[in-house]
C-alpha cells in the first residue's frame, strides 16, 4: 500500500493549516482600510475590509443644489468602487493561500 492513512492524515493537516491561514488573512483584511474616489477626486470614500464605510468626503465645489442627482451618482460610484476594491484584495489574498483551489462558500 502507498501509505494510505498517513497520506490522508497529511492531507487533513494541510487542509487545517490552509483553513487557519485563511482565517488569519481574513482578520488582517478586516483591519485594512481602502480609499477610493470618483468624479476626479471630488468624492472620496474610505471603507474597512469588513465593507463598512468609515468616511465620505466631498469637495465643496461638487455640491450644487441644482444638481443633487450628479452628487448622488458620484457617491454611489465611489462606494461601489470601494466595495470592489475590498473584494478584489480579499480574493487575491485568499488565492495566494489556496493556490486557486475552488472552495465552495469562499469568496
PDB file of N, CA and C in Angstrom:
ATOM      1  N   UNK A   1       0.837  -1.191   0.000  1.00  0.00           N
ATOM      2  CA  UNK A   1       0.000   0.000   0.000  1.00  0.00           C
ATOM      3  C   UNK A   1       0.873   1.242   0.000  1.00  0.00           C
ATOM      4  N   UNK A   2       0.333   2.322  -0.520  1.00  0.00           N
ATOM      5  CA  UNK A   2       1.084   3.559  -0.679  1.00  0.00           C
ATOM      6  C   UNK A   2       0.973   4.502   0.498  1.00  0.00           C
ATOM      7  N   UNK A   3       0.878   3.990   1.727  1.00  0.00           N
ATOM      8  CA  UNK A   3       0.816   4.862   2.900  1.00  0.00           C
ATOM      9  C   UNK A   3      -0.520   5.562   3.032  1.00  0.00           C
ATOM     10  N   UNK A   4      -1.591   4.886   2.680  1.00  0.00           N
ATOM     11  CA  UNK A   4      -2.937   5.467   2.651  1.00  0.00           C
ATOM     12  C   UNK A   4      -3.314   6.300   3.858  1.00  0.00           C
ATOM     13  N   UNK A   5      -3.380   5.721   5.078  1.00  0.00           N
ATOM     14  CA  UNK A   5      -3.793   6.503   6.244  1.00  0.00           C
ATOM     15  C   UNK A   5      -2.834   7.661   6.549  1.00  0.00           C
ATOM     16  N   UNK A   6      -1.548   7.454   6.364  1.00  0.00           N
ATOM     17  CA  UNK A   6      -0.591   8.529   6.623  1.00  0.00           C
ATOM     18  C   UNK A   6      -0.794   9.662   5.628  1.00  0.00           C
ATOM     19  N   UNK A   7      -1.021   9.305   4.370  1.00  0.00           N
ATOM     20  CA  UNK A   7      -1.256  10.300   3.340  1.00  0.00           C
ATOM     21  C   UNK A   7      -2.533  11.091   3.650  1.00  0.00           C
ATOM     22  N   UNK A   8      -3.561  10.387   4.111  1.00  0.00           N
ATOM     23  CA  UNK A   8      -4.835  11.039   4.451  1.00  0.00           C
ATOM     24  C   UNK A   8      -4.632  12.000   5.619  1.00  0.00           C
ATOM     25  N   UNK A   9      -3.876  11.587   6.631  1.00  0.00           N
ATOM     26  CA  UNK A   9      -3.604  12.469   7.771  1.00  0.00           C
ATOM     27  C   UNK A   9      -2.839  13.708   7.336  1.00  0.00           C
ATOM     28  N   UNK A  10      -1.891  13.549   6.432  1.00  0.00           N
ATOM     29  CA  UNK A  10      -1.133  14.694   5.923  1.00  0.00           C
ATOM     30  C   UNK A  10      -2.059  15.650   5.175  1.00  0.00           C
ATOM     31  N   UNK A  11      -2.987  15.124   4.395  1.00  0.00           N
ATOM     32  CA  UNK A  11      -3.934  15.964   3.671  1.00  0.00           C
ATOM     33  C   UNK A  11      -4.838  16.720   4.636  1.00  0.00           C
ATOM     34  N   UNK A  12      -5.266  16.047   5.696  1.00  0.00           N
ATOM     35  CA  UNK A  12      -6.124  16.686   6.689  1.00  0.00           C
ATOM     36  C   UNK A  12      -5.360  17.810   7.388  1.00  0.00           C
ATOM     37  N   UNK A  13      -4.116  17.567   7.756  1.00  0.00           N
ATOM     38  CA  UNK A  13      -3.288  18.603   8.394  1.00  0.00           C
ATOM     39  C   UNK A  13      -3.087  19.785   7.455  1.00  0.00           C
ATOM     40  N   UNK A  14      -2.861  19.489   6.184  1.00  0.00           N
ATOM     41  CA  UNK A  14      -2.668  20.553   5.194  1.00  0.00           C
ATOM     42  C   UNK A  14      -3.947  21.390   5.052  1.00  0.00           C
ATOM     43  N   UNK A  15      -5.090  20.738   5.039  1.00  0.00           N
ATOM     44  CA  UNK A  15      -6.370  21.452   4.933  1.00  0.00           C
ATOM     45  C   UNK A  15      -6.611  22.303   6.175  1.00  0.00           C
ATOM     46  N   UNK A  16      -6.274  21.782   7.345  1.00  0.00           N
ATOM     47  CA  UNK A  16      -6.440  22.544   8.577  1.00  0.00           C
ATOM     48  C   UNK A  16      -5.523  23.771   8.583  1.00  0.00           C
ATOM     49  N   UNK A  17      -4.294  23.603   8.111  1.00  0.00           N
ATOM     50  CA  UNK A  17      -3.351  24.718   8.028  1.00  0.00           C
ATOM     51  C   UNK A  17      -3.874  25.783   7.075  1.00  0.00           C
ATOM     52  N   UNK A  18      -4.403  25.348   5.933  1.00  0.00           N
ATOM     53  CA  UNK A  18      -4.955  26.277   4.962  1.00  0.00           C
ATOM     54  C   UNK A  18      -6.122  27.049   5.581  1.00  0.00           C
ATOM     55  N   UNK A  19      -6.964  26.357   6.314  1.00  0.00           N
ATOM     56  CA  UNK A  19      -8.108  26.993   6.960  1.00  0.00           C
ATOM     57  C   UNK A  19      -7.637  28.022   7.988  1.00  0.00           C
ATOM     58  N   UNK A  20      -6.620  27.683   8.773  1.00  0.00           N
ATOM     59  CA  UNK A  20      -6.076  28.614   9.748  1.00  0.00           C
ATOM     60  C   UNK A  20      -5.471  29.837   9.063  1.00  0.00           C
ATOM     61  N   UNK A  21      -4.737  29.608   7.973  1.00  0.00           N
ATOM     62  CA  UNK A  21      -4.130  30.708   7.221  1.00  0.00           C
ATOM     63  C   UNK A  21      -5.199  31.632   6.642  1.00  0.00           C
ATOM     64  N   UNK A  22      -6.279  31.044   6.138  1.00  0.00           N
ATOM     65  CA  UNK A  22      -7.356  31.843   5.566  1.00  0.00           C
ATOM     66  C   UNK A  22      -8.040  32.682   6.640  1.00  0.00           C
ATOM     67  N   UNK A  23      -8.244  32.097   7.797  1.00  0.00           N
ATOM     68  CA  UNK A  23      -8.885  32.842   8.889  1.00  0.00           C
ATOM     69  C   UNK A  23      -7.996  34.006   9.321  1.00  0.00           C
ATOM     70  N   UNK A  24      -6.708  33.769   9.453  1.00  0.00           N
ATOM     71  CA  UNK A  24      -5.773  34.814   9.845  1.00  0.00           C
ATOM     72  C   UNK A  24      -5.746  35.935   8.813  1.00  0.00           C
ATOM     73  N   UNK A  25      -5.696  35.564   7.534  1.00  0.00           N
ATOM     74  CA  UNK A  25      -5.668  36.565   6.462  1.00  0.00           C
ATOM     75  C   UNK A  25      -6.966  37.365   6.453  1.00  0.00           C
ATOM     76  N   UNK A  26      -8.100  36.709   6.674  1.00  0.00           N
ATOM     77  CA  UNK A  26      -9.383  37.415   6.708  1.00  0.00           C
ATOM     78  C   UNK A  26      -9.387  38.440   7.838  1.00  0.00           C
ATOM     79  N   UNK A  27      -8.854  38.071   8.986  1.00  0.00           N
ATOM     80  CA  UNK A  27      -8.773  39.014  10.104  1.00  0.00           C
ATOM     81  C   UNK A  27      -7.881  40.204   9.749  1.00  0.00           C
ATOM     82  N   UNK A  28      -6.774  39.947   9.054  1.00  0.00           N
ATOM     83  CA  UNK A  28      -5.884  41.031   8.625  1.00  0.00           C
ATOM     84  C   UNK A  28      -6.605  41.949   7.640  1.00  0.00           C
ATOM     85  N   UNK A  29      -7.311  41.365   6.689  1.00  0.00           N
ATOM     86  CA  UNK A  29      -8.031  42.156   5.695  1.00  0.00           C
ATOM     87  C   UNK A  29      -9.103  43.026   6.345  1.00  0.00           C
ATOM     88  N   UNK A  30      -9.763  42.497   7.357  1.00  0.00           N
ATOM     89  CA  UNK A  30     -10.823  43.255   8.022  1.00  0.00           C
ATOM     90  C   UNK A  30     -10.272  44.496   8.725  1.00  0.00           C
ATOM     91  N   UNK A  31      -9.005  44.486   9.083  1.00  0.00           N
ATOM     92  CA  UNK A  31      -8.380  45.628   9.750  1.00  0.00           C
ATOM     93  C   UNK A  31      -7.899  46.694   8.761  1.00  0.00           C
ATOM     94  N   UNK A  32      -7.859  46.355   7.486  1.00  0.00           N
ATOM     95  CA  UNK A  32      -7.353  47.281   6.473  1.00  0.00           C
ATOM     96  C   UNK A  32      -8.393  48.345   6.128  1.00  0.00           C
ATOM     97  N   UNK A  33      -7.895  49.452   5.577  1.00  0.00           N
ATOM     98  CA  UNK A  33      -8.759  50.493   5.042  1.00  0.00           C
ATOM     99  C   UNK A  33      -8.450  50.679   3.564  1.00  0.00           C
ATOM    100  N   UNK A  34      -9.488  50.957   2.791  1.00  0.00           N
ATOM    101  CA  UNK A  34      -9.372  51.174   1.360  1.00  0.00           C
ATOM    102  C   UNK A  34      -9.971  52.539   1.052  1.00  0.00           C
ATOM    103  N   UNK A  35      -9.285  53.324   0.238  1.00  0.00           N
ATOM    104  CA  UNK A  35      -9.763  54.646  -0.134  1.00  0.00           C
ATOM    105  C   UNK A  35      -9.966  54.685  -1.641  1.00  0.00           C
ATOM    106  N   UNK A  36     -11.144  55.129  -2.061  1.00  0.00           N
ATOM    107  CA  UNK A  36     -11.435  55.272  -3.483  1.00  0.00           C
ATOM    108  C   UNK A  36     -12.054  56.644  -3.722  1.00  0.00           C
ATOM    109  N   UNK A  37     -12.015  57.070  -4.981  1.00  0.00           N
ATOM    110  CA  UNK A  37     -12.597  58.355  -5.340  1.00  0.00           C
ATOM    111  C   UNK A  37     -13.436  58.212  -6.598  1.00  0.00           C
ATOM    112  N   UNK A  38     -14.267  59.210  -6.824  1.00  0.00           N
ATOM    113  CA  UNK A  38     -14.996  59.321  -8.086  1.00  0.00           C
ATOM    114  C   UNK A  38     -15.088  60.797  -8.431  1.00  0.00           C
ATOM    115  N   UNK A  39     -15.495  61.068  -9.656  1.00  0.00           N
ATOM    116  CA  UNK A  39     -15.619  62.457 -10.088  1.00  0.00           C
ATOM    117  C   UNK A  39     -14.296  63.190 -10.076  1.00  0.00           C
ATOM    118  N   UNK A  40     -13.235  62.494 -10.454  1.00  0.00           N
ATOM    119  CA  UNK A  40     -11.925  63.133 -10.482  1.00  0.00           C
ATOM    120  C   UNK A  40     -11.441  63.560  -9.105  1.00  0.00           C
ATOM    121  N   UNK A  41     -11.821  62.795  -8.082  1.00  0.00           N
ATOM    122  CA  UNK A  41     -11.382  63.098  -6.722  1.00  0.00           C
ATOM    123  C   UNK A  41     -12.354  63.980  -5.954  1.00  0.00           C
ATOM    124  N   UNK A  42     -13.477  64.297  -6.544  1.00  0.00           N
ATOM    125  CA  UNK A  42     -14.457  65.160  -5.872  1.00  0.00           C
ATOM    126  C   UNK A  42     -15.152  64.443  -4.714  1.00  0.00           C
ATOM    127  N   UNK A  43     -15.298  63.124  -4.835  1.00  0.00           N
ATOM    128  CA  UNK A  43     -15.911  62.314  -3.784  1.00  0.00           C
ATOM    129  C   UNK A  43     -14.903  61.252  -3.381  1.00  0.00           C
ATOM    130  N   UNK A  44     -14.642  61.150  -2.085  1.00  0.00           N
ATOM    131  CA  UNK A  44     -13.709  60.153  -1.574  1.00  0.00           C
ATOM    132  C   UNK A  44     -14.412  59.302  -0.528  1.00  0.00           C
ATOM    133  N   UNK A  45     -14.229  57.987  -0.639  1.00  0.00           N
ATOM    134  CA  UNK A  45     -14.829  57.047   0.302  1.00  0.00           C
ATOM    135  C   UNK A  45     -13.721  56.219   0.930  1.00  0.00           C
ATOM    136  N   UNK A  46     -13.778  56.100   2.255  1.00  0.00           N
ATOM    137  CA  UNK A  46     -12.879  55.212   2.987  1.00  0.00           C
ATOM    138  C   UNK A  46     -13.749  54.096   3.547  1.00  0.00           C
ATOM    139  N   UNK A  47     -13.326  52.853   3.256  1.00  0.00           N
ATOM    140  CA  UNK A  47     -14.101  51.678   3.662  1.00  0.00           C
ATOM    141  C   UNK A  47     -13.166  50.700   4.360  1.00  0.00           C
ATOM    142  N   UNK A  48     -13.706  49.966   5.315  1.00  0.00           N
ATOM    143  CA  UNK A  48     -12.901  48.954   6.005  1.00  0.00           C
ATOM    144  C   UNK A  48     -12.940  47.650   5.230  1.00  0.00           C
ATOM    145  N   UNK A  49     -12.061  46.742   5.602  1.00  0.00           N
ATOM    146  CA  UNK A  49     -12.065  45.417   4.999  1.00  0.00           C
ATOM    147  C   UNK A  49     -13.320  44.626   5.316  1.00  0.00           C
ATOM    148  N   UNK A  50     -14.101  45.107   6.267  1.00  0.00           N
ATOM    149  CA  UNK A  50     -15.389  44.481   6.582  1.00  0.00           C
ATOM    150  C   UNK A  50     -16.511  45.059   5.722  1.00  0.00           C
ATOM    151  N   UNK A  51     -16.124  45.944   4.781  1.00  0.00           N
ATOM    152  CA  UNK A  51     -17.062  46.619   3.884  1.00  0.00           C
ATOM    153  C   UNK A  51     -17.974  47.578   4.643  1.00  0.00           C
ATOM    154  N   UNK A  52     -17.426  48.209   5.674  1.00  0.00           N
ATOM    155  CA  UNK A  52     -18.145  49.233   6.420  1.00  0.00           C
ATOM    156  C   UNK A  52     -17.566  50.585   6.038  1.00  0.00           C
ATOM    157  N   UNK A  53     -18.429  51.508   5.636  1.00  0.00           N
ATOM    158  CA  UNK A  53     -17.984  52.839   5.249  1.00  0.00           C
ATOM    159  C   UNK A  53     -17.475  53.561   6.488  1.00  0.00           C
ATOM    160  N   UNK A  54     -16.229  54.039   6.417  1.00  0.00           N
ATOM    161  CA  UNK A  54     -15.642  54.793   7.529  1.00  0.00           C
ATOM    162  C   UNK A  54     -15.863  56.286   7.361  1.00  0.00           C
ATOM    163  N   UNK A  55     -15.751  56.757   6.101  1.00  0.00           N
ATOM    164  CA  UNK A  55     -15.991  58.186   5.864  1.00  0.00           C
ATOM    165  C   UNK A  55     -16.286  58.431   4.394  1.00  0.00           C
ATOM    166  N   UNK A  56     -16.992  59.542   4.153  1.00  0.00           N
ATOM    167  CA  UNK A  56     -17.232  60.045   2.814  1.00  0.00           C
ATOM    168  C   UNK A  56     -16.876  61.527   2.858  1.00  0.00           C
ATOM    169  N   UNK A  57     -15.980  61.945   1.955  1.00  0.00           N
ATOM    170  CA  UNK A  57     -15.560  63.342   1.888  1.00  0.00           C
ATOM    171  C   UNK A  57     -15.961  63.917   0.540  1.00  0.00           C
ATOM    172  N   UNK A  58     -16.458  65.150   0.574  1.00  0.00           N
ATOM    173  CA  UNK A  58     -16.878  65.832  -0.642  1.00  0.00           C
ATOM    174  C   UNK A  58     -16.097  67.132  -0.783  1.00  0.00           C
ATOM    175  N   UNK A  59     -15.629  67.422  -1.995  1.00  0.00           N
ATOM    176  CA  UNK A  59     -15.030  68.726  -2.276  1.00  0.00           C
ATOM    177  C   UNK A  59     -16.181  69.731  -2.361  1.00  0.00           C
ATOM    178  N   UNK A  60     -16.018  70.903  -1.776  1.00  0.00           N
ATOM    179  CA  UNK A  60     -17.116  71.890  -1.764  1.00  0.00           C
ATOM    180  C   UNK A  60     -17.679  72.196  -3.152  1.00  0.00           C
ATOM    181  N   UNK A  61     -16.821  72.216  -4.161  1.00  0.00           N
ATOM    182  CA  UNK A  61     -17.304  72.591  -5.499  1.00  0.00           C
ATOM    183  C   UNK A  61     -18.220  71.549  -6.133  1.00  0.00           C
ATOM    184  N   UNK A  62     -18.275  70.342  -5.569  1.00  0.00           N
ATOM    185  CA  UNK A  62     -19.161  69.316  -6.128  1.00  0.00           C
ATOM    186  C   UNK A  62     -20.595  69.496  -5.643  1.00  0.00           C
ATOM    187  N   UNK A  63     -20.775  70.267  -4.593  1.00  0.00           N
ATOM    188  CA  UNK A  63     -22.111  70.460  -4.010  1.00  0.00           C
ATOM    189  C   UNK A  63     -22.831  71.560  -4.789  1.00  0.00           C
ATOM    190  N   UNK A  64     -23.760  71.141  -5.631  1.00  0.00           N
ATOM    191  CA  UNK A  64     -24.561  72.057  -6.446  1.00  0.00           C
ATOM    192  C   UNK A  64     -26.026  71.762  -6.151  1.00  0.00           C
ATOM    193  N   UNK A  65     -26.701  72.670  -5.445  1.00  0.00           N
ATOM    194  CA  UNK A  65     -28.110  72.426  -5.100  1.00  0.00           C
ATOM    195  C   UNK A  65     -28.995  72.198  -6.329  1.00  0.00           C
ATOM    196  N   UNK A  66     -28.535  72.641  -7.481  1.00  0.00           N
ATOM    197  CA  UNK A  66     -29.311  72.471  -8.710  1.00  0.00           C
ATOM    198  C   UNK A  66     -29.090  71.093  -9.345  1.00  0.00           C
ATOM    199  N   UNK A  67     -28.081  70.345  -8.852  1.00  0.00           N
ATOM    200  CA  UNK A  67     -27.760  69.052  -9.480  1.00  0.00           C
ATOM    201  C   UNK A  67     -27.436  68.003  -8.415  1.00  0.00           C
ATOM    202  N   UNK A  68     -28.390  67.742  -7.555  1.00  0.00           N
ATOM    203  CA  UNK A  68     -28.224  66.745  -6.488  1.00  0.00           C
ATOM    204  C   UNK A  68     -28.028  65.348  -7.088  1.00  0.00           C
ATOM    205  N   UNK A  69     -28.659  65.072  -8.207  1.00  0.00           N
ATOM    206  CA  UNK A  69     -28.553  63.745  -8.816  1.00  0.00           C
ATOM    207  C   UNK A  69     -27.113  63.392  -9.176  1.00  0.00           C
ATOM    208  N   UNK A  70     -26.352  64.350  -9.688  1.00  0.00           N
ATOM    209  CA  UNK A  70     -24.957  64.079 -10.030  1.00  0.00           C
ATOM    210  C   UNK A  70     -24.166  63.710  -8.779  1.00  0.00           C
ATOM    211  N   UNK A  71     -24.375  64.444  -7.707  1.00  0.00           N
ATOM    212  CA  UNK A  71     -23.683  64.150  -6.449  1.00  0.00           C
ATOM    213  C   UNK A  71     -24.053  62.753  -5.954  1.00  0.00           C
ATOM    214  N   UNK A  72     -25.313  62.434  -6.018  1.00  0.00           N
ATOM    215  CA  UNK A  72     -25.750  61.098  -5.599  1.00  0.00           C
ATOM    216  C   UNK A  72     -25.086  60.016  -6.452  1.00  0.00           C
ATOM    217  N   UNK A  73     -25.035  60.230  -7.762  1.00  0.00           N
ATOM    218  CA  UNK A  73     -24.410  59.257  -8.660  1.00  0.00           C
ATOM    219  C   UNK A  73     -22.931  59.082  -8.347  1.00  0.00           C
ATOM    220  N   UNK A  74     -22.230  60.191  -8.078  1.00  0.00           N
ATOM    221  CA  UNK A  74     -20.805  60.115  -7.754  1.00  0.00           C
ATOM    222  C   UNK A  74     -20.580  59.387  -6.436  1.00  0.00           C
ATOM    223  N   UNK A  75     -21.463  59.593  -5.466  1.00  0.00           N
ATOM    224  CA  UNK A  75     -21.327  58.904  -4.185  1.00  0.00           C
ATOM    225  C   UNK A  75     -21.555  57.408  -4.352  1.00  0.00           C
ATOM    226  N   UNK A  76     -22.556  57.040  -5.121  1.00  0.00           N
ATOM    227  CA  UNK A  76     -22.819  55.617  -5.385  1.00  0.00           C
ATOM    228  C   UNK A  76     -21.624  54.991  -6.091  1.00  0.00           C
ATOM    229  N   UNK A  77     -21.080  55.691  -7.091  1.00  0.00           N
ATOM    230  CA  UNK A  77     -19.924  55.167  -7.832  1.00  0.00           C
ATOM    231  C   UNK A  77     -18.730  54.965  -6.904  1.00  0.00           C
ATOM    232  N   UNK A  78     -18.483  55.913  -6.020  1.00  0.00           N
ATOM    233  CA  UNK A  78     -17.342  55.804  -5.109  1.00  0.00           C
ATOM    234  C   UNK A  78     -17.533  54.654  -4.122  1.00  0.00           C
ATOM    235  N   UNK A  79     -18.729  54.496  -3.595  1.00  0.00           N
ATOM    236  CA  UNK A  79     -18.998  53.403  -2.650  1.00  0.00           C
ATOM    237  C   UNK A  79     -18.861  52.054  -3.356  1.00  0.00           C
ATOM    238  N   UNK A  80     -19.421  51.946  -4.552  1.00  0.00           N
ATOM    239  CA  UNK A  80     -19.314  50.678  -5.294  1.00  0.00           C
ATOM    240  C   UNK A  80     -17.867  50.345  -5.609  1.00  0.00           C
ATOM    241  N   UNK A  81     -17.077  51.335  -5.984  1.00  0.00           N
ATOM    242  CA  UNK A  81     -15.663  51.098  -6.265  1.00  0.00           C
ATOM    243  C   UNK A  81     -14.927  50.670  -4.995  1.00  0.00           C
ATOM    244  N   UNK A  82     -15.280  51.258  -3.863  1.00  0.00           N
ATOM    245  CA  UNK A  82     -14.661  50.878  -2.596  1.00  0.00           C
ATOM    246  C   UNK A  82     -14.957  49.416  -2.272  1.00  0.00           C
ATOM    247  N   UNK A  83     -16.197  49.006  -2.453  1.00  0.00           N
ATOM    248  CA  UNK A  83     -16.575  47.610  -2.196  1.00  0.00           C
ATOM    249  C   UNK A  83     -15.822  46.676  -3.135  1.00  0.00           C
ATOM    250  N   UNK A  84     -15.727  47.046  -4.420  1.00  0.00           N
ATOM    251  CA  UNK A  84     -14.975  46.229  -5.378  1.00  0.00           C
ATOM    252  C   UNK A  84     -13.512  46.096  -4.962  1.00  0.00           C
ATOM    253  N   UNK A  85     -12.946  47.185  -4.469  1.00  0.00           N
ATOM    254  CA  UNK A  85     -11.542  47.145  -4.031  1.00  0.00           C
ATOM    255  C   UNK A  85     -11.338  46.137  -2.907  1.00  0.00           C
ATOM    256  N   UNK A  86     -12.233  46.146  -1.937  1.00  0.00           N
ATOM    257  CA  UNK A  86     -12.142  45.199  -0.822  1.00  0.00           C
ATOM    258  C   UNK A  86     -12.285  43.776  -1.337  1.00  0.00           C
ATOM    259  N   UNK A  87     -13.257  43.536  -2.198  1.00  0.00           N
ATOM    260  CA  UNK A  87     -13.491  42.183  -2.707  1.00  0.00           C
ATOM    261  C   UNK A  87     -12.324  41.681  -3.552  1.00  0.00           C
ATOM    262  N   UNK A  88     -11.765  42.545  -4.390  1.00  0.00           N
ATOM    263  CA  UNK A  88     -10.631  42.138  -5.214  1.00  0.00           C
ATOM    264  C   UNK A  88      -9.411  41.806  -4.359  1.00  0.00           C
ATOM    265  N   UNK A  89      -9.125  42.632  -3.359  1.00  0.00           N
ATOM    266  CA  UNK A  89      -7.983  42.383  -2.477  1.00  0.00           C
ATOM    267  C   UNK A  89      -8.195  41.086  -1.704  1.00  0.00           C
ATOM    268  N   UNK A  90      -9.401  40.882  -1.184  1.00  0.00           N
ATOM    269  CA  UNK A  90      -9.705  39.660  -0.432  1.00  0.00           C
ATOM    270  C   UNK A  90      -9.529  38.427  -1.306  1.00  0.00           C
ATOM    271  N   UNK A  91     -10.066  38.482  -2.520  1.00  0.00           N
ATOM    272  CA  UNK A  91      -9.958  37.333  -3.425  1.00  0.00           C
ATOM    273  C   UNK A  91      -8.501  37.048  -3.766  1.00  0.00           C
ATOM    274  N   UNK A  92      -7.725  38.093  -4.027  1.00  0.00           N
ATOM    275  CA  UNK A  92      -6.315  37.903  -4.378  1.00  0.00           C
ATOM    276  C   UNK A  92      -5.533  37.301  -3.219  1.00  0.00           C
ATOM    277  N   UNK A  93      -5.786  37.762  -2.014  1.00  0.00           N
ATOM    278  CA  UNK A  93      -5.072  37.247  -0.843  1.00  0.00           C
ATOM    279  C   UNK A  93      -5.462  35.805  -0.551  1.00  0.00           C
ATOM    280  N   UNK A  94      -6.724  35.461  -0.697  1.00  0.00           N
ATOM    281  CA  UNK A  94      -7.162  34.086  -0.451  1.00  0.00           C
ATOM    282  C   UNK A  94      -6.615  33.147  -1.522  1.00  0.00           C
ATOM    283  N   UNK A  95      -6.521  33.656  -2.751  1.00  0.00           N
ATOM    284  CA  UNK A  95      -5.975  32.832  -3.831  1.00  0.00           C
ATOM    285  C   UNK A  95      -4.518  32.480  -3.554  1.00  0.00           C
ATOM    286  N   UNK A  96      -3.785  33.398  -2.923  1.00  0.00           N
ATOM    287  CA  UNK A  96      -2.398  33.111  -2.561  1.00  0.00           C
ATOM    288  C   UNK A  96      -2.326  31.925  -1.599  1.00  0.00           C
ATOM    289  N   UNK A  97      -3.304  31.827  -0.718  1.00  0.00           N
ATOM    290  CA  UNK A  97      -3.319  30.757   0.281  1.00  0.00           C
ATOM    291  C   UNK A  97      -3.796  29.445  -0.333  1.00  0.00           C
ATOM    292  N   UNK A  98      -4.861  29.527  -1.117  1.00  0.00           N
ATOM    293  CA  UNK A  98      -5.477  28.298  -1.640  1.00  0.00           C
ATOM    294  C   UNK A  98      -4.854  27.824  -2.941  1.00  0.00           C
ATOM    295  N   UNK A  99      -4.027  28.646  -3.558  1.00  0.00           N
ATOM    296  CA  UNK A  99      -3.438  28.262  -4.831  1.00  0.00           C
ATOM    297  C   UNK A  99      -4.480  28.117  -5.918  1.00  0.00           C
ATOM    298  N   UNK A 100      -5.502  28.998  -5.875  1.00  0.00           N
ATOM    299  CA  UNK A 100      -6.581  28.997  -6.858  1.00  0.00           C
ATOM    300  C   UNK A 100      -7.454  27.753  -6.753  1.00  0.00           C
ATOM    301  N   UNK A 101      -7.439  27.091  -5.600  1.00  0.00           N
ATOM    302  CA  UNK A 101      -8.299  25.941  -5.338  1.00  0.00           C
ATOM    303  C   UNK A 101      -9.715  26.456  -5.142  1.00  0.00           C
ATOM    304  N   UNK A 102     -10.667  25.904  -5.814  1.00  0.00           N
ATOM    305  CA  UNK A 102     -12.058  26.341  -5.723  1.00  0.00           C
ATOM    306  C   UNK A 102     -12.706  25.736  -4.478  1.00  0.00           C
ATOM    307  N   UNK A 103     -12.946  26.577  -3.467  1.00  0.00           N
ATOM    308  CA  UNK A 103     -13.562  26.112  -2.230  1.00  0.00           C
ATOM    309  C   UNK A 103     -14.951  26.730  -2.129  1.00  0.00           C
ATOM    310  N   UNK A 104     -16.012  25.922  -2.193  1.00  0.00           N
ATOM    311  CA  UNK A 104     -17.370  26.448  -2.139  1.00  0.00           C
ATOM    312  C   UNK A 104     -17.582  27.290  -0.883  1.00  0.00           C
ATOM    313  N   UNK A 105     -18.257  28.431  -1.062  1.00  0.00           N
ATOM    314  CA  UNK A 105     -18.560  29.292   0.061  1.00  0.00           C
ATOM    315  C   UNK A 105     -17.469  30.274   0.405  1.00  0.00           C
ATOM    316  N   UNK A 106     -16.344  30.214  -0.269  1.00  0.00           N
ATOM    317  CA  UNK A 106     -15.248  31.133  -0.002  1.00  0.00           C
ATOM    318  C   UNK A 106     -15.102  32.073  -1.185  1.00  0.00           C
ATOM    319  N   UNK A 107     -15.290  33.337  -0.965  1.00  0.00           N
ATOM    320  CA  UNK A 107     -15.128  34.393  -1.952  1.00  0.00           C
ATOM    321  C   UNK A 107     -15.536  33.920  -3.310  1.00  0.00           C
TER     322      UNK A 107
END
